[in-house]
C-alpha atoms as a PDB file:
ATOM      1  CA  MET A   1      74.357  63.738  31.762  1.00  0.00           C
ATOM      2  CA  TYR A   2      72.541  60.711  32.900  1.00  0.00           C
ATOM      3  CA  GLN A   3      69.083  62.981  34.529  1.00  0.00           C
ATOM      4  CA  LEU A   4      69.522  65.607  31.338  1.00  0.00           C
ATOM      5  CA  VAL A   5      68.772  62.392  29.118  1.00  0.00           C
ATOM      6  CA  LEU A   6      66.543  60.822  31.344  1.00  0.00           C
ATOM      7  CA  GLY A   7      64.884  64.011  31.977  1.00  0.00           C
ATOM      8  CA  LEU A   8      64.023  65.014  27.769  1.00  0.00           C
ATOM      9  CA  SER A   9      63.417  60.917  26.705  1.00  0.00           C
ATOM     10  CA  ILE A  10      60.507  61.378  29.428  1.00  0.00           C
ATOM     11  CA  VAL A  11      59.674  64.433  28.523  1.00  0.00           C
ATOM     12  CA  VAL A  12      58.992  63.109  25.106  1.00  0.00           C
ATOM     13  CA  MET A  13      56.698  60.426  26.289  1.00  0.00           C
ATOM     14  CA  ILE A  14      54.730  63.134  28.303  1.00  0.00           C
ATOM     15  CA  ILE A  15      54.539  64.593  24.476  1.00  0.00           C
ATOM     16  CA  GLY A  16      53.572  61.449  23.490  1.00  0.00           C
ATOM     17  CA  ILE A  17      50.977  59.949  25.641  1.00  0.00           C
ATOM     18  CA  ILE A  18      49.251  63.925  24.840  1.00  0.00           C
ATOM     19  CA  GLY A  19      49.993  63.451  20.939  1.00  0.00           C
ATOM     20  CA  CYS A  20      48.129  59.713  21.194  1.00  0.00           C
ATOM     21  CA  LEU A  21      44.914  61.725  21.917  1.00  0.00           C
ATOM     22  CA  ILE A  22      45.449  64.304  19.664  1.00  0.00           C
ATOM     23  CA  PRO A  23      45.454  63.388  15.528  1.00  0.00           C
ATOM     24  CA  VAL A  24      48.484  65.356  14.660  1.00  0.00           C
ATOM     25  CA  ILE A  25      50.966  63.657  16.874  1.00  0.00           C
ATOM     26  CA  PRO A  26      52.236  60.728  16.443  1.00  0.00           C
ATOM     27  CA  GLY A  27      52.453  59.494  20.126  1.00  0.00           C
ATOM     28  CA  ASN A  28      53.377  56.179  19.978  1.00  0.00           C
ATOM     29  CA  VAL A  29      56.474  57.129  17.461  1.00  0.00           C
ATOM     30  CA  LEU A  30      57.495  59.699  19.869  1.00  0.00           C
ATOM     31  CA  ILE A  31      57.232  57.039  22.917  1.00  0.00           C
ATOM     32  CA  GLY A  32      59.054  54.342  20.445  1.00  0.00           C
ATOM     33  CA  LEU A  33      62.392  56.668  19.118  1.00  0.00           C
ATOM     34  CA  ALA A  34      62.483  57.790  22.529  1.00  0.00           C
ATOM     35  CA  THR A  35      62.922  54.338  24.524  1.00  0.00           C
ATOM     36  CA  PHE A  36      64.915  53.381  21.956  1.00  0.00           C
ATOM     37  CA  GLY A  37      67.305  56.734  22.122  1.00  0.00           C
ATOM     38  CA  PHE A  38      67.406  56.292  25.807  1.00  0.00           C
ATOM     39  CA  ALA A  39      67.899  52.141  25.857  1.00  0.00           C
ATOM     40  CA  TYR A  40      71.120  53.257  23.194  1.00  0.00           C
ATOM     41  CA  TRP A  41      72.370  56.138  24.855  1.00  0.00           C
ATOM     42  CA  ASN A  42      72.661  53.699  28.365  1.00  0.00           C
ATOM     43  CA  ASP A  43      74.016  50.920  26.115  1.00  0.00           C
ATOM     44  CA  PHE A  44      70.594  48.875  26.775  1.00  0.00           C
ATOM     45  CA  GLN A  45      71.963  48.668  30.647  1.00  0.00           C
ATOM     46  CA  GLN A  46      68.433  49.598  32.642  1.00  0.00           C
ATOM     47  CA  VAL A  47      66.130  49.308  29.661  1.00  0.00           C
ATOM     48  CA  GLY A  48      67.987  45.691  27.796  1.00  0.00           C
ATOM     49  CA  ILE A  49      68.170  45.042  23.911  1.00  0.00           C
ATOM     50  CA  GLY A  50      65.335  42.911  24.101  1.00  0.00           C
ATOM     51  CA  ALA A  51      62.753  44.703  26.449  1.00  0.00           C
ATOM     52  CA  THR A  52      63.585  47.238  24.047  1.00  0.00           C
ATOM     53  CA  VAL A  53      62.158  45.380  21.438  1.00  0.00           C
ATOM     54  CA  VAL A  54      59.233  45.207  23.054  1.00  0.00           C
ATOM     55  CA  LEU A  55      58.413  48.142  24.092  1.00  0.00           C
ATOM     56  CA  ILE A  56      58.946  49.427  20.129  1.00  0.00           C
ATOM     57  CA  VAL A  57      56.874  46.403  19.263  1.00  0.00           C
ATOM     58  CA  ILE A  58      53.561  47.844  21.764  1.00  0.00           C
ATOM     59  CA  SER A  59      54.393  51.159  20.361  1.00  0.00           C
ATOM     60  CA  LEU A  60      54.170  50.272  16.268  1.00  0.00           C
ATOM     61  CA  VAL A  61      51.001  48.412  17.519  1.00  0.00           C
ATOM     62  CA  GLY A  62      49.429  52.130  18.571  1.00  0.00           C
ATOM     63  CA  ALA A  63      51.235  53.991  15.526  1.00  0.00           C
ATOM     64  CA  THR A  64      49.575  51.747  13.049  1.00  0.00           C
ATOM     65  CA  SER A  65      46.317  51.555  14.875  1.00  0.00           C
ATOM     66  CA  ASP A  66      44.845  54.265  12.910  1.00  0.00           C
ATOM     67  CA  ILE A  67      45.101  52.057   9.437  1.00  0.00           C
ATOM     68  CA  TRP A  68      44.170  49.010  10.546  1.00  0.00           C
ATOM     69  CA  MET A  69      41.312  49.402  13.199  1.00  0.00           C
ATOM     70  CA  PRO A  70      38.701  51.572  11.221  1.00  0.00           C
ATOM     71  CA  MET A  71      39.321  49.790   8.121  1.00  0.00           C
ATOM     72  CA  LEU A  72      38.521  46.463  10.467  1.00  0.00           C
ATOM     73  CA  GLY A  73      35.063  48.758  11.881  1.00  0.00           C
ATOM     74  CA  ALA A  74      33.959  49.703   8.277  1.00  0.00           C
ATOM     75  CA  LYS A  75      34.513  45.913   7.287  1.00  0.00           C
ATOM     76  CA  SER A  76      33.081  44.497   9.879  1.00  0.00           C
ATOM     77  CA  THR A  77      29.296  46.349   8.120  1.00  0.00           C
ATOM     78  CA  GLY A  78      30.531  45.617   5.341  1.00  0.00           C
ATOM     79  CA  ALA A  79      31.728  48.991   3.762  1.00  0.00           C
ATOM     80  CA  SER A  80      33.993  48.498   0.555  1.00  0.00           C
ATOM     81  CA  GLY A  81      38.044  49.083  -0.024  1.00  0.00           C
ATOM     82  CA  TRP A  82      36.384  52.691  -2.144  1.00  0.00           C
ATOM     83  CA  ALA A  83      34.383  53.415   0.987  1.00  0.00           C
ATOM     84  CA  ILE A  84      37.237  52.838   3.267  1.00  0.00           C
ATOM     85  CA  ALA A  85      39.492  55.097   1.495  1.00  0.00           C
ATOM     86  CA  ALA A  86      36.873  58.020   0.255  1.00  0.00           C
ATOM     87  CA  GLY A  87      37.093  57.604   4.485  1.00  0.00           C
ATOM     88  CA  ILE A  88      40.434  58.712   4.973  1.00  0.00           C
ATOM     89  CA  VAL A  89      40.430  61.244   1.929  1.00  0.00           C
ATOM     90  CA  GLY A  90      36.932  62.878   3.925  1.00  0.00           C
ATOM     91  CA  ALA A  91      38.360  62.297   7.577  1.00  0.00           C
ATOM     92  CA  THR A  92      41.494  64.070   6.163  1.00  0.00           C
ATOM     93  CA  ILE A  93      38.660  67.450   4.487  1.00  0.00           C
ATOM     94  CA  GLY A  94      36.806  67.474   7.269  1.00  0.00           C
ATOM     95  CA  PHE A  95      39.523  67.683   9.849  1.00  0.00           C
ATOM     96  CA  ILE A  96      41.233  70.556   7.966  1.00  0.00           C
ATOM     97  CA  LEU A  97      37.680  72.358   7.482  1.00  0.00           C
ATOM     98  CA  GLY A  98      36.908  71.970  11.230  1.00  0.00           C
ATOM     99  CA  ALA A  99      39.822  73.234  12.373  1.00  0.00           C
ATOM    100  CA  PHE A 100      40.570  76.282  10.317  1.00  0.00           C
ATOM    101  CA  PHE A 101      36.748  77.296   8.845  1.00  0.00           C
ATOM    102  CA  LEU A 102      33.590  75.638  10.138  1.00  0.00           C
ATOM    103  CA  GLY A 103      34.944  76.479  13.921  1.00  0.00           C
ATOM    104  CA  ILE A 104      33.560  73.125  14.892  1.00  0.00           C
ATOM    105  CA  GLY A 105      37.510  71.790  15.790  1.00  0.00           C
ATOM    106  CA  GLY A 106      39.614  69.298  13.472  1.00  0.00           C
ATOM    107  CA  LEU A 107      38.753  66.168  16.056  1.00  0.00           C
ATOM    108  CA  ILE A 108      35.565  66.544  15.100  1.00  0.00           C
ATOM    109  CA  GLY A 109      35.600  67.177  11.766  1.00  0.00           C
ATOM    110  CA  GLY A 110      37.551  64.511  11.369  1.00  0.00           C
ATOM    111  CA  LEU A 111      35.305  62.316  12.479  1.00  0.00           C
ATOM    112  CA  LEU A 112      31.663  63.740  10.566  1.00  0.00           C
ATOM    113  CA  GLY A 113      34.490  63.247   6.889  1.00  0.00           C
ATOM    114  CA  TYR A 114      35.696  60.868   7.376  1.00  0.00           C
ATOM    115  CA  PHE A 115      31.333  59.260   8.248  1.00  0.00           C
ATOM    116  CA  LEU A 116      30.408  61.170   5.438  1.00  0.00           C
ATOM    117  CA  GLY A 117      32.875  59.589   2.928  1.00  0.00           C
ATOM    118  CA  ILE A 118      32.018  56.105   4.424  1.00  0.00           C
ATOM    119  CA  PHE A 119      29.073  56.712   3.940  1.00  0.00           C
ATOM    120  CA  LEU A 120      28.759  58.805   0.230  1.00  0.00           C
ATOM    121  CA  VAL A 121      30.487  56.300  -1.312  1.00  0.00           C
ATOM    122  CA  GLU A 122      28.878  53.007   0.350  1.00  0.00           C
ATOM    123  CA  TYR A 123      25.488  54.672  -0.974  1.00  0.00           C
ATOM    124  CA  ALA A 124      26.265  55.226  -4.319  1.00  0.00           C
ATOM    125  CA  ARG A 125      27.076  51.850  -4.503  1.00  0.00           C
ATOM    126  CA  ILE A 126      24.398  49.461  -3.036  1.00  0.00           C
ATOM    127  CA  LYS A 127      21.478  52.727  -3.126  1.00  0.00           C
ATOM    128  CA  ASP A 128      20.773  51.588   0.453  1.00  0.00           C
ATOM    129  CA  SER A 129      21.029  54.314   3.007  1.00  0.00           C
ATOM    130  CA  TRP A 130      20.623  52.504   6.175  1.00  0.00           C
ATOM    131  CA  GLN A 131      23.344  50.215   5.470  1.00  0.00           C
ATOM    132  CA  ALA A 132      25.811  52.904   4.223  1.00  0.00           C
ATOM    133  CA  ALA A 133      25.120  54.860   7.565  1.00  0.00           C
ATOM    134  CA  LYS A 134      25.811  51.307   9.360  1.00  0.00           C
ATOM    135  CA  ALA A 135      28.954  51.193   7.397  1.00  0.00           C
ATOM    136  CA  GLY A 136      29.637  55.075   8.249  1.00  0.00           C
ATOM    137  CA  LEU A 137      29.547  54.387  11.171  1.00  0.00           C
ATOM    138  CA  GLY A 138      31.211  50.969  12.273  1.00  0.00           C
ATOM    139  CA  GLY A 139      34.536  53.464  11.109  1.00  0.00           C
ATOM    140  CA  VAL A 140      34.122  55.987  13.214  1.00  0.00           C
ATOM    141  CA  VAL A 141      32.905  53.187  15.789  1.00  0.00           C
ATOM    142  CA  GLY A 142      36.780  51.980  14.857  1.00  0.00           C
ATOM    143  CA  TRP A 143      38.545  54.820  14.900  1.00  0.00           C
ATOM    144  CA  GLY A 144      37.346  55.495  18.362  1.00  0.00           C
ATOM    145  CA  VAL A 145      38.417  52.510  19.143  1.00  0.00           C
ATOM    146  CA  THR A 146      41.770  53.719  17.616  1.00  0.00           C
ATOM    147  CA  THR A 147      42.697  56.287  19.831  1.00  0.00           C
ATOM    148  CA  ILE A 148      42.089  53.535  23.123  1.00  0.00           C
ATOM    149  CA  ILE A 149      44.158  51.218  21.913  1.00  0.00           C
ATOM    150  CA  GLN A 150      46.988  53.954  21.040  1.00  0.00           C
ATOM    151  CA  PHE A 151      46.561  55.853  24.571  1.00  0.00           C
ATOM    152  CA  LEU A 152      46.432  52.531  25.940  1.00  0.00           C
ATOM    153  CA  THR A 153      49.762  51.411  23.849  1.00  0.00           C
ATOM    154  CA  GLY A 154      51.732  54.301  24.747  1.00  0.00           C
ATOM    155  CA  LEU A 155      50.532  54.572  29.108  1.00  0.00           C
ATOM    156  CA  ILE A 156      51.517  50.329  28.647  1.00  0.00           C
ATOM    157  CA  ALA A 157      54.852  51.336  26.943  1.00  0.00           C
ATOM    158  CA  VAL A 158      55.700  55.039  29.126  1.00  0.00           C
ATOM    159  CA  VAL A 159      55.374  52.870  32.483  1.00  0.00           C
ATOM    160  CA  LEU A 160      56.751  49.597  31.406  1.00  0.00           C
ATOM    161  CA  PHE A 161      59.703  52.011  30.020  1.00  0.00           C
ATOM    162  CA  LEU A 162      59.690  53.740  34.103  1.00  0.00           C
ATOM    163  CA  TRP A 163      59.687  50.590  35.526  1.00  0.00           C
ATOM    164  CA  MET A 164      62.636  49.107  34.130  1.00  0.00           C
ATOM    165  CA  VAL A 165      63.940  52.488  34.554  1.00  0.00           C
ATOM    166  CA  PHE A 166      62.796  53.702  38.255  1.00  0.00           C
ATOM    167  CA  ALA A 167      63.261  49.835  39.597  1.00  0.00           C
END
């Protein structure tokens, strides 16, 4: 039974790592749940309570980075709160259109939608296309950094988990 639970946990973590790169799959959430599930099942023998909390916090930082990182990127270039909200709406619309109708894929559609949402609101607000484009680009860069943060936090959590289990 031990091998089955450990194997299932590792499979979920691998799906989680992949999910860190694919916006639709909540990668870090899966990694955190697999960590807690295994540790709890194993009575916190190999992965103690403190280590489980640390791994879950690492996973939560990665899981929430798609909320705070694009905002930081857009804010750093002067985007308003309304522009960021429009970027989120634009990303959602762009993801759907790109994935199902335009043939460019959900990721590209989402990035274009995010940029356009920020750009359009910022342009309407300040009437400066250069500044609006800069704000949109800052948001997209923030989104890219988010993907890196999600992947790295997921990878760190999985490597630490495996080290605790197999060391």
